[in-house]
C-alpha atoms as a PDB file:
ATOM      1  CA  MET A   1      18.867   5.201  -1.876  1.00  0.00           C
ATOM      2  CA  ASP A   2      15.506   6.772  -2.165  1.00  0.00           C
ATOM      3  CA  THR A   3      12.656   4.498  -1.857  1.00  0.00           C
ATOM      4  CA  ASN A   4      10.952   5.803  -4.922  1.00  0.00           C
ATOM      5  CA  GLU A   5      14.067   5.003  -6.908  1.00  0.00           C
ATOM      6  CA  GLN A   6      15.087   1.597  -5.630  1.00  0.00           C
ATOM      7  CA  THR A   7      14.466  -1.398  -7.931  1.00  0.00           C
ATOM      8  CA  VAL A   8      13.852  -4.137  -5.345  1.00  0.00           C
ATOM      9  CA  ALA A   9      11.567  -3.290  -2.481  1.00  0.00           C
ATOM     10  CA  LEU A  10      12.086  -4.589   1.179  1.00  0.00           C
ATOM     11  CA  HIS A  11      11.402  -8.195   2.056  1.00  0.00           C
ATOM     12  CA  GLN A  12       8.292  -8.660   4.186  1.00  0.00           C
ATOM     13  CA  PRO A  13       6.495 -11.605   5.615  1.00  0.00           C
ATOM     14  CA  LEU A  14       4.161 -13.289   3.014  1.00  0.00           C
ATOM     15  CA  ALA A  15       2.068 -16.373   3.847  1.00  0.00           C
ATOM     16  CA  GLY A  16       4.856 -17.730   6.062  1.00  0.00           C
ATOM     17  CA  GLY A  17       7.748 -16.871   3.747  1.00  0.00           C
ATOM     18  CA  SER A  18       9.805 -13.916   2.399  1.00  0.00           C
ATOM     19  CA  ARG A  19       8.355 -11.348   0.173  1.00  0.00           C
ATOM     20  CA  GLU A  20      10.487 -10.061  -2.768  1.00  0.00           C
ATOM     21  CA  ARG A  21       9.384  -7.324  -5.018  1.00  0.00           C
ATOM     22  CA  VAL A  22      10.359  -5.206  -7.739  1.00  0.00           C
ATOM     23  CA  ARG A  23       9.368  -1.595  -7.943  1.00  0.00           C
ATOM     24  CA  VAL A  24       8.073  -0.348 -11.287  1.00  0.00           C
ATOM     25  CA  LEU A  25       7.558   3.383 -11.254  1.00  0.00           C
ATOM     26  CA  ASP A  26       5.595   3.846  -7.999  1.00  0.00           C
ATOM     27  CA  ILE A  27       4.079   0.280  -7.546  1.00  0.00           C
ATOM     28  CA  ASN A  28       5.843  -2.737  -5.828  1.00  0.00           C
ATOM     29  CA  ILE A  29       4.999  -5.882  -7.580  1.00  0.00           C
ATOM     30  CA  ASP A  30       5.630  -9.346  -5.951  1.00  0.00           C
ATOM     31  CA  LYS A  31       8.137 -11.848  -7.674  1.00  0.00           C
ATOM     32  CA  VAL A  32       5.966 -14.814  -7.437  1.00  0.00           C
ATOM     33  CA  THR A  33       4.860 -17.673  -9.882  1.00  0.00           C
ATOM     34  CA  ASN A  34       1.357 -18.732 -10.742  1.00  0.00           C
ATOM     35  CA  GLN A  35       1.765 -21.784  -8.547  1.00  0.00           C
ATOM     36  CA  GLU A  36       3.230 -19.924  -5.488  1.00  0.00           C
ATOM     37  CA  VAL A  37       0.001 -17.505  -5.781  1.00  0.00           C
ATOM     38  CA  LEU A  38      -2.367 -20.582  -5.540  1.00  0.00           C
ATOM     39  CA  ARG A  39      -0.432 -21.581  -2.304  1.00  0.00           C
ATOM     40  CA  ILE A  40      -0.502 -18.135  -0.777  1.00  0.00           C
ATOM     41  CA  VAL A  41      -4.171 -17.917  -1.434  1.00  0.00           C
ATOM     42  CA  GLN A  42      -4.796 -21.094   0.337  1.00  0.00           C
ATOM     43  CA  ALA A  43      -2.805 -19.690   3.279  1.00  0.00           C
ATOM     44  CA  PHE A  44      -4.742 -16.571   3.139  1.00  0.00           C
ATOM     45  CA  ILE A  45      -8.302 -18.383   3.132  1.00  0.00           C
ATOM     46  CA  GLU A  46      -7.027 -20.658   6.036  1.00  0.00           C
ATOM     47  CA  SER A  47      -5.962 -17.502   8.115  1.00  0.00           C
ATOM     48  CA  ARG A  48      -9.568 -16.069   7.777  1.00  0.00           C
ATOM     49  CA  GLU A  49      -8.146 -12.566   7.916  1.00  0.00           C
ATOM     50  CA  PRO A  50      -8.716 -10.128   5.135  1.00  0.00           C
ATOM     51  CA  HIS A  51      -6.088 -10.037   2.314  1.00  0.00           C
ATOM     52  CA  GLN A  52      -6.429  -7.985  -0.958  1.00  0.00           C
ATOM     53  CA  ILE A  53      -4.613  -9.275  -4.151  1.00  0.00           C
ATOM     54  CA  ILE A  54      -3.810  -6.784  -6.777  1.00  0.00           C
ATOM     55  CA  THR A  55      -3.490  -7.586 -10.516  1.00  0.00           C
ATOM     56  CA  ALA A  56      -1.461  -4.637 -11.724  1.00  0.00           C
ATOM     57  CA  ASN A  57      -0.946  -3.540 -15.323  1.00  0.00           C
ATOM     58  CA  VAL A  58       0.675  -0.502 -17.108  1.00  0.00           C
ATOM     59  CA  ASP A  59      -2.361   1.628 -16.467  1.00  0.00           C
ATOM     60  CA  PHE A  60      -2.097   1.003 -12.708  1.00  0.00           C
ATOM     61  CA  CYS A  61       1.430   2.389 -12.843  1.00  0.00           C
ATOM     62  CA  MET A  62       0.303   5.446 -14.660  1.00  0.00           C
ATOM     63  CA  LEU A  63      -2.512   6.031 -12.388  1.00  0.00           C
ATOM     64  CA  ALA A  64      -0.532   5.514  -9.204  1.00  0.00           C
ATOM     65  CA  ARG A  65       1.612   8.545 -10.292  1.00  0.00           C
ATOM     66  CA  THR A  66      -1.184  10.978  -9.953  1.00  0.00           C
ATOM     67  CA  ASP A  67      -3.698   9.325  -7.473  1.00  0.00           C
ATOM     68  CA  ARG A  68      -1.997   8.988  -4.106  1.00  0.00           C
ATOM     69  CA  GLU A  69      -4.980   7.225  -2.584  1.00  0.00           C
ATOM     70  CA  PHE A  70      -4.755   4.602  -5.275  1.00  0.00           C
ATOM     71  CA  ARG A  71      -0.977   4.170  -5.089  1.00  0.00           C
ATOM     72  CA  HIS A  72      -1.431   3.561  -1.364  1.00  0.00           C
ATOM     73  CA  VAL A  73      -3.992   1.059  -1.770  1.00  0.00           C
ATOM     74  CA  VAL A  74      -1.911  -0.855  -4.347  1.00  0.00           C
ATOM     75  CA  ASN A  75       1.269  -0.794  -2.216  1.00  0.00           C
ATOM     76  CA  ALA A  76      -0.582  -1.814   1.007  1.00  0.00           C
ATOM     77  CA  ALA A  77      -2.174  -4.904  -0.590  1.00  0.00           C
ATOM     78  CA  PHE A  78      -0.764  -8.189   0.568  1.00  0.00           C
ATOM     79  CA  LEU A  79      -0.050  -9.428  -2.880  1.00  0.00           C
ATOM     80  CA  CYS A  80       0.572  -7.394  -6.159  1.00  0.00           C
ATOM     81  CA  LEU A  81       0.825  -9.497  -9.360  1.00  0.00           C
ATOM     82  CA  ALA A  82       1.991  -8.509 -12.714  1.00  0.00           C
ATOM     83  CA  ASP A  83      -1.064  -8.684 -15.024  1.00  0.00           C
ATOM     84  CA  GLY A  84       0.522  -7.934 -18.319  1.00  0.00           C
ATOM     85  CA  MET A  85       3.969  -8.673 -20.144  1.00  0.00           C
ATOM     86  CA  PRO A  86       4.896  -4.981 -20.232  1.00  0.00           C
ATOM     87  CA  LEU A  87       5.474  -5.137 -16.579  1.00  0.00           C
ATOM     88  CA  VAL A  88       7.591  -8.389 -16.899  1.00  0.00           C
ATOM     89  CA  TRP A  89       9.619  -6.616 -19.699  1.00  0.00           C
ATOM     90  CA  ALA A  90       9.933  -3.425 -17.378  1.00  0.00           C
ATOM     91  CA  SER A  91      11.195  -5.597 -14.536  1.00  0.00           C
ATOM     92  CA  LYS A  92      14.072  -6.866 -16.856  1.00  0.00           C
ATOM     93  CA  VAL A  93      14.988  -3.331 -17.786  1.00  0.00           C
ATOM     94  CA  LEU A  94      15.245  -2.463 -14.198  1.00  0.00           C
ATOM     95  CA  GLY A  95      17.439  -5.472 -13.381  1.00  0.00           C
ATOM     96  CA  SER A  96      15.205  -7.454 -11.214  1.00  0.00           C
ATOM     97  CA  PRO A  97      13.036  -9.787 -13.582  1.00  0.00           C
ATOM     98  CA  LEU A  98       9.634 -11.102 -12.508  1.00  0.00           C
ATOM     99  CA  PRO A  99       9.310 -14.745 -13.072  1.00  0.00           C
ATOM    100  CA  GLU A 100       6.126 -14.635 -15.246  1.00  0.00           C
ATOM    101  CA  ARG A 101       3.023 -12.774 -16.037  1.00  0.00           C
ATOM    102  CA  LEU A 102      -0.115 -13.492 -13.819  1.00  0.00           C
ATOM    103  CA  ASN A 103      -3.117 -12.648 -15.811  1.00  0.00           C
ATOM    104  CA  GLY A 104      -6.481 -11.845 -13.935  1.00  0.00           C
ATOM    105  CA  THR A 105      -8.722 -13.807 -15.929  1.00  0.00           C
ATOM    106  CA  ASN A 106      -6.224 -16.860 -15.863  1.00  0.00           C
ATOM    107  CA  LEU A 107      -6.158 -16.429 -12.248  1.00  0.00           C
ATOM    108  CA  VAL A 108      -9.904 -16.882 -11.898  1.00  0.00           C
ATOM    109  CA  TYR A 109      -9.634 -20.168 -13.904  1.00  0.00           C
ATOM    110  CA  ALA A 110      -6.658 -21.225 -11.985  1.00  0.00           C
ATOM    111  CA  LEU A 111      -8.409 -20.612  -8.561  1.00  0.00           C
ATOM    112  CA  CYS A 112     -11.463 -22.534  -9.514  1.00  0.00           C
ATOM    113  CA  ARG A 113      -9.258 -25.463 -10.659  1.00  0.00           C
ATOM    114  CA  ASP A 114      -7.312 -25.421  -7.393  1.00  0.00           C
ATOM    115  CA  GLY A 115     -10.537 -24.990  -5.437  1.00  0.00           C
ATOM    116  CA  HIS A 116     -11.948 -27.983  -7.018  1.00  0.00           C
ATOM    117  CA  ALA A 117     -10.300 -30.079  -4.617  1.00  0.00           C
ATOM    118  CA  ARG A 118     -10.462 -27.685  -1.647  1.00  0.00           C
ATOM    119  CA  HIS A 119     -14.022 -26.758  -2.131  1.00  0.00           C
ATOM    120  CA  TYR A 120     -13.447 -23.001  -2.245  1.00  0.00           C
ATOM    121  CA  ARG A 121     -16.394 -20.700  -1.912  1.00  0.00           C
ATOM    122  CA  PHE A 122     -16.638 -17.756  -4.341  1.00  0.00           C
ATOM    123  CA  PHE A 123     -18.697 -14.640  -4.469  1.00  0.00           C
ATOM    124  CA  LEU A 124     -18.876 -12.564  -7.838  1.00  0.00           C
ATOM    125  CA  LEU A 125     -19.436  -8.972  -7.544  1.00  0.00           C
ATOM    126  CA  GLY A 126     -19.770  -6.632 -10.372  1.00  0.00           C
ATOM    127  CA  ALA A 127     -20.189  -6.687 -14.116  1.00  0.00           C
ATOM    128  CA  GLU A 128     -23.619  -6.422 -15.793  1.00  0.00           C
ATOM    129  CA  GLU A 129     -26.517  -8.448 -14.237  1.00  0.00           C
ATOM    130  CA  ASP A 130     -26.847 -11.067 -17.029  1.00  0.00           C
ATOM    131  CA  VAL A 131     -22.942 -11.224 -17.302  1.00  0.00           C
ATOM    132  CA  CYS A 132     -22.544 -11.857 -13.574  1.00  0.00           C
ATOM    133  CA  ALA A 133     -25.255 -14.516 -13.583  1.00  0.00           C
ATOM    134  CA  ARG A 134     -24.054 -16.229 -16.731  1.00  0.00           C
ATOM    135  CA  ALA A 135     -20.381 -16.257 -15.294  1.00  0.00           C
ATOM    136  CA  ALA A 136     -21.554 -17.800 -11.899  1.00  0.00           C
ATOM    137  CA  GLU A 137     -23.546 -20.487 -13.769  1.00  0.00           C
ATOM    138  CA  ILE A 138     -20.485 -21.399 -16.098  1.00  0.00           C
ATOM    139  CA  LEU A 139     -18.025 -21.503 -13.371  1.00  0.00           C
ATOM    140  CA  ALA A 140     -20.340 -23.746 -11.111  1.00  0.00           C
ATOM    141  CA  ARG A 141     -20.837 -26.049 -14.119  1.00  0.00           C
ATOM    142  CA  ASP A 142     -17.125 -26.418 -15.163  1.00  0.00           C
ATOM    143  CA  TYR A 143     -15.718 -26.663 -11.668  1.00  0.00           C
ATOM    144  CA  PRO A 144     -18.147 -28.707  -9.749  1.00  0.00           C
ATOM    145  CA  GLY A 145     -15.964 -28.948  -6.704  1.00  0.00           C
ATOM    146  CA  ILE A 146     -16.243 -25.183  -5.915  1.00  0.00           C
ATOM    147  CA  GLU A 147     -19.289 -23.288  -4.779  1.00  0.00           C
ATOM    148  CA  ILE A 148     -20.600 -19.988  -5.966  1.00  0.00           C
ATOM    149  CA  ALA A 149     -21.856 -18.859  -2.772  1.00  0.00           C
ATOM    150  CA  GLY A 150     -23.455 -15.721  -4.391  1.00  0.00           C
ATOM    151  CA  HIS A 151     -23.354 -13.068  -7.001  1.00  0.00           C
ATOM    152  CA  TYR A 152     -24.573  -9.598  -7.399  1.00  0.00           C
ATOM    153  CA  SER A 153     -24.397  -6.930  -9.910  1.00  0.00           C
ATOM    154  CA  PRO A 154     -24.428  -3.493  -8.224  1.00  0.00           C
ATOM    155  CA  PRO A 155     -25.483  -0.181 -10.077  1.00  0.00           C
ATOM    156  CA  PHE A 156     -22.747   1.566 -12.075  1.00  0.00           C
ATOM    157  CA  GLY A 157     -21.386   4.811 -10.612  1.00  0.00           C
ATOM    158  CA  PRO A 158     -20.668   5.754  -6.973  1.00  0.00           C
ATOM    159  CA  PHE A 159     -22.479   3.543  -4.432  1.00  0.00           C
ATOM    160  CA  SER A 160     -24.896   5.278  -1.890  1.00  0.00           C
ATOM    161  CA  ASP A 161     -24.428   4.387   1.691  1.00  0.00           C
ATOM    162  CA  GLU A 162     -27.532   2.070   1.541  1.00  0.00           C
ATOM    163  CA  GLU A 163     -26.120   0.357  -1.430  1.00  0.00           C
ATOM    164  CA  ASN A 164     -22.802  -0.379  -0.099  1.00  0.00           C
ATOM    165  CA  LEU A 165     -24.390  -1.664   3.038  1.00  0.00           C
ATOM    166  CA  ARG A 166     -26.471  -3.926   1.021  1.00  0.00           C
ATOM    167  CA  ILE A 167     -23.390  -5.227  -0.968  1.00  0.00           C
ATOM    168  CA  THR A 168     -21.324  -6.011   2.195  1.00  0.00           C
ATOM    169  CA  GLN A 169     -24.328  -7.811   3.792  1.00  0.00           C
ATOM    170  CA  LYS A 170     -24.722  -9.915   0.847  1.00  0.00           C
ATOM    171  CA  VAL A 171     -21.116 -10.904   0.721  1.00  0.00           C
ATOM    172  CA  ARG A 172     -20.911 -11.414   4.612  1.00  0.00           C
ATOM    173  CA  GLU A 173     -24.015 -13.725   4.624  1.00  0.00           C
ATOM    174  CA  ALA A 174     -22.565 -15.741   1.705  1.00  0.00           C
ATOM    175  CA  ARG A 175     -19.447 -16.286   3.721  1.00  0.00           C
ATOM    176  CA  PRO A 176     -16.956 -16.701   0.763  1.00  0.00           C
ATOM    177  CA  GLY A 177     -13.398 -17.588   0.878  1.00  0.00           C
ATOM    178  CA  ILE A 178     -12.623 -15.602  -2.233  1.00  0.00           C
ATOM    179  CA  LEU A 179     -14.400 -12.450  -3.318  1.00  0.00           C
ATOM    180  CA  LEU A 180     -13.957 -11.617  -6.960  1.00  0.00           C
ATOM    181  CA  VAL A 181     -14.725  -7.966  -7.785  1.00  0.00           C
ATOM    182  CA  ALA A 182     -15.390  -7.105 -11.448  1.00  0.00           C
ATOM    183  CA  MET A 183     -15.169  -3.317 -11.075  1.00  0.00           C
ATOM    184  CA  GLY A 184     -13.330  -0.747 -12.942  1.00  0.00           C
ATOM    185  CA  THR A 185      -9.968   0.826 -11.925  1.00  0.00           C
ATOM    186  CA  PRO A 186      -9.489   2.595  -9.421  1.00  0.00           C
ATOM    187  CA  LYS A 187     -12.978   2.186  -8.167  1.00  0.00           C
ATOM    188  CA  GLY A 188     -12.585  -1.533  -7.498  1.00  0.00           C
ATOM    189  CA  ARG A 189      -9.286  -1.407  -5.663  1.00  0.00           C
ATOM    190  CA  LYS A 190     -10.496   1.512  -3.385  1.00  0.00           C
ATOM    191  CA  TRP A 191     -13.865  -0.325  -2.683  1.00  0.00           C
ATOM    192  CA  ILE A 192     -12.203  -3.580  -1.664  1.00  0.00           C
ATOM    193  CA  ALA A 193      -9.708  -1.573   0.743  1.00  0.00           C
ATOM    194  CA  SER A 194     -12.588   0.245   2.308  1.00  0.00           C
ATOM    195  CA  ASN A 195     -15.008  -2.658   2.598  1.00  0.00           C
ATOM    196  CA  GLN A 196     -13.274  -6.012   2.722  1.00  0.00           C
ATOM    197  CA  ALA A 197     -13.274  -6.208   6.480  1.00  0.00           C
ATOM    198  CA  ALA A 198     -17.016  -5.617   6.607  1.00  0.00           C
ATOM    199  CA  CYS A 199     -17.436  -8.333   4.133  1.00  0.00           C
ATOM    200  CA  GLY A 200     -15.604 -10.767   6.042  1.00  0.00           C
ATOM    201  CA  ALA A 201     -13.958 -12.443   2.884  1.00  0.00           C
ATOM    202  CA  PRO A 202     -10.314 -13.671   3.570  1.00  0.00           C
ATOM    203  CA  VAL A 203      -9.148 -13.061  -0.079  1.00  0.00           C
ATOM    204  CA  ALA A 204     -10.645 -10.225  -2.314  1.00  0.00           C
ATOM    205  CA  ILE A 205      -9.261  -9.777  -5.915  1.00  0.00           C
ATOM    206  CA  ARG A 206     -10.456  -7.016  -8.388  1.00  0.00           C
ATOM    207  CA  ILE A 207     -10.585  -8.928 -11.674  1.00  0.00           C
ATOM    208  CA  GLY A 208     -11.731  -6.051 -14.087  1.00  0.00           C
ATOM    209  CA  GLY A 209     -13.389  -7.503 -17.047  1.00  0.00           C
ATOM    210  CA  ALA A 210     -12.704 -11.197 -16.461  1.00  0.00           C
ATOM    211  CA  LEU A 211     -16.431 -12.074 -15.932  1.00  0.00           C
ATOM    212  CA  ASP A 212     -17.016 -10.664 -19.374  1.00  0.00           C
ATOM    213  CA  PHE A 213     -14.733 -13.189 -20.773  1.00  0.00           C
ATOM    214  CA  VAL A 214     -16.038 -15.970 -18.564  1.00  0.00           C
ATOM    215  CA  ALA A 215     -19.503 -15.573 -19.724  1.00  0.00           C
ATOM    216  CA  GLY A 216     -18.519 -15.266 -23.183  1.00  0.00           C
ATOM    217  CA  LYS A 217     -19.432 -11.542 -23.753  1.00  0.00           C
ATOM    218  CA  HIS A 218     -16.056 -10.659 -25.170  1.00  0.00           C
ATOM    219  CA  LYS A 219     -13.445 -13.030 -26.694  1.00  0.00           C
ATOM    220  CA  ARG A 220      -9.868 -13.041 -25.576  1.00  0.00           C
ATOM    221  CA  ALA A 221      -6.792 -12.779 -27.778  1.00  0.00           C
ATOM    222  CA  LEU A 222      -5.293 -16.013 -29.139  1.00  0.00           C
ATOM    223  CA  ALA A 223      -2.889 -17.913 -26.814  1.00  0.00           C
ATOM    224  CA  TRP A 224       0.190 -16.827 -28.721  1.00  0.00           C
ATOM    225  CA  MET A 225      -0.848 -13.069 -28.500  1.00  0.00           C
ATOM    226  CA  GLN A 226      -1.338 -13.457 -24.728  1.00  0.00           C
ATOM    227  CA  ASP A 227       2.027 -15.193 -24.395  1.00  0.00           C
ATOM    228  CA  GLN A 228       3.927 -12.604 -26.605  1.00  0.00           C
ATOM    229  CA  GLY A 229       2.493  -9.702 -24.771  1.00  0.00           C
ATOM    230  CA  PHE A 230       0.168  -8.498 -27.431  1.00  0.00           C
ATOM    231  CA  GLU A 231      -3.185  -8.964 -25.901  1.00  0.00           C
ATOM    232  CA  TRP A 232      -3.447  -5.331 -25.233  1.00  0.00           C
ATOM    233  CA  PHE A 233      -3.139  -4.726 -29.151  1.00  0.00           C
ATOM    234  CA  PHE A 234      -6.085  -7.159 -29.613  1.00  0.00           C
ATOM    235  CA  ARG A 235      -8.223  -5.470 -26.924  1.00  0.00           C
ATOM    236  CA  LEU A 236      -7.437  -2.211 -28.625  1.00  0.00           C
ATOM    237  CA  CYS A 237      -8.559  -3.419 -32.034  1.00  0.00           C
ATOM    238  CA  VAL A 238     -11.866  -4.880 -30.928  1.00  0.00           C
ATOM    239  CA  ASP A 239     -12.737  -2.113 -28.380  1.00  0.00           C
ATOM    240  CA  PHE A 240     -11.004   0.932 -29.931  1.00  0.00           C
ATOM    241  CA  ARG A 241     -13.574   3.567 -28.885  1.00  0.00           C
ATOM    242  CA  ARG A 242     -13.323   2.812 -25.205  1.00  0.00           C
ATOM    243  CA  LEU A 243      -9.716   2.011 -24.913  1.00  0.00           C
ATOM    244  CA  TRP A 244      -7.827   4.155 -27.413  1.00  0.00           C
ATOM    245  CA  ARG A 245      -7.200   7.108 -25.055  1.00  0.00           C
ATOM    246  CA  ARG A 246      -6.063   4.864 -22.154  1.00  0.00           C
ATOM    247  CA  TYR A 247      -3.492   2.808 -24.275  1.00  0.00           C
ATOM    248  CA  LEU A 248      -2.291   5.478 -26.861  1.00  0.00           C
ATOM    249  CA  ILE A 249      -2.261   8.569 -24.426  1.00  0.00           C
ATOM    250  CA  ARG A 250      -2.395   7.909 -20.846  1.00  0.00           C
ATOM    251  CA  ASP A 251      -0.293   4.780 -20.867  1.00  0.00           C
ATOM    252  CA  MET A 252       2.264   5.524 -23.629  1.00  0.00           C
ATOM    253  CA  PRO A 253       4.721   7.357 -21.370  1.00  0.00           C
ATOM    254  CA  PHE A 254       5.196   4.110 -19.360  1.00  0.00           C
ATOM    255  CA  ILE A 255       8.163   3.036 -21.617  1.00  0.00           C
ATOM    256  CA  PRO A 256      10.334   6.268 -21.441  1.00  0.00           C
ATOM    257  CA  LEU A 257       9.494   6.478 -17.578  1.00  0.00           C
ATOM    258  CA  VAL A 258      10.851   2.889 -17.094  1.00  0.00           C
ATOM    259  CA  PHE A 259      14.022   3.613 -18.912  1.00  0.00           C
ATOM    260  CA  LEU A 260      14.418   6.880 -16.886  1.00  0.00           C
ATOM    261  CA  GLN A 261      13.857   5.002 -13.673  1.00  0.00           C
ATOM    262  CA  ARG A 262      16.718   2.615 -14.854  1.00  0.00           C
ATOM    263  CA  LEU A 263      19.090   5.521 -15.387  1.00  0.00           C
ATOM    264  CA  ARG A 264      18.228   7.291 -12.081  1.00  0.00           C
ATOM    265  CA  THR A 265      18.789   3.815 -10.212  1.00  0.00           C
ATOM    266  CA  ARG A 266      22.305   3.453 -12.058  1.00  0.00           C
ATOM    267  CA  ARG A 267      23.214   6.957 -11.103  1.00  0.00           C
ATOM    268  CA  ASN A 268      22.402   6.617  -7.364  1.00  0.00           C
ATOM    269  CA  VAL A 269      24.238   3.252  -7.378  1.00  0.00           C
ATOM    270  CA  GLN A 270      27.298   4.947  -8.786  1.00  0.00           C
ATOM    271  CA  GLU A 271      27.105   7.886  -6.517  1.00  0.00           C
ATOM    272  CA  ALA A 272      26.849   5.547  -3.424  1.00  0.00           C
ATOM    273  CA  GLU A 273      29.898   3.690  -4.523  1.00  0.00           C
ATOM    274  CA  SER A 274      32.149   6.761  -5.283  1.00  0.00           C
END
């Protein structure tokens, strides 16, 4: 079977255990629970080796179809999580269900709760300056067992070599166990892949707009909307001007493409059995 058409990817080592993944279009997503992620992160931190964690959504799947570098970064990550119910639904269609959704913002809070007893050190990178500072203040206040070792809001747009060096030095000097990167896609993922080793952070996670939610700049959807997979609709309604093209044009082909992948997989299985 061609690797682009298989549903379940190969098993690979993951924090001392096996790694089972489901392939959704061109992205391999790990079949793990929220609790398993926390144990994996702990193992990553203890290793002191750099590990990038990806929180993928429908937009990632669509971008990966046309951006080869981005696709490689995502699939080369040590852990790729399903940040969005549509990916969970897609995995069921493909016959290899993911256990649950692992939202990026929820992951930030979960890591802070888990880090309360483990004394995790965090560095917040990205978002607007006041948002980044406010998020650092709130997390340090609400989770006194953790340490916000530093935070920095770099300028928007491409980074100069000098700015990139400034960022990596700030992070390296802070010695965080977890680097939370609030940058856009695909910029944040590519930046982590190119610079995490220089930063010296064992765990790096691009968290998108999570700091905006932590700082209270934006409100999240109600819990039932998140649980039922309608958070995207809530975000579209409150930020239509910025998100309409992404949700209504770029990401809309996702559904038929998943069903097409399912049909191709069935056909390949039937051909292999005949």
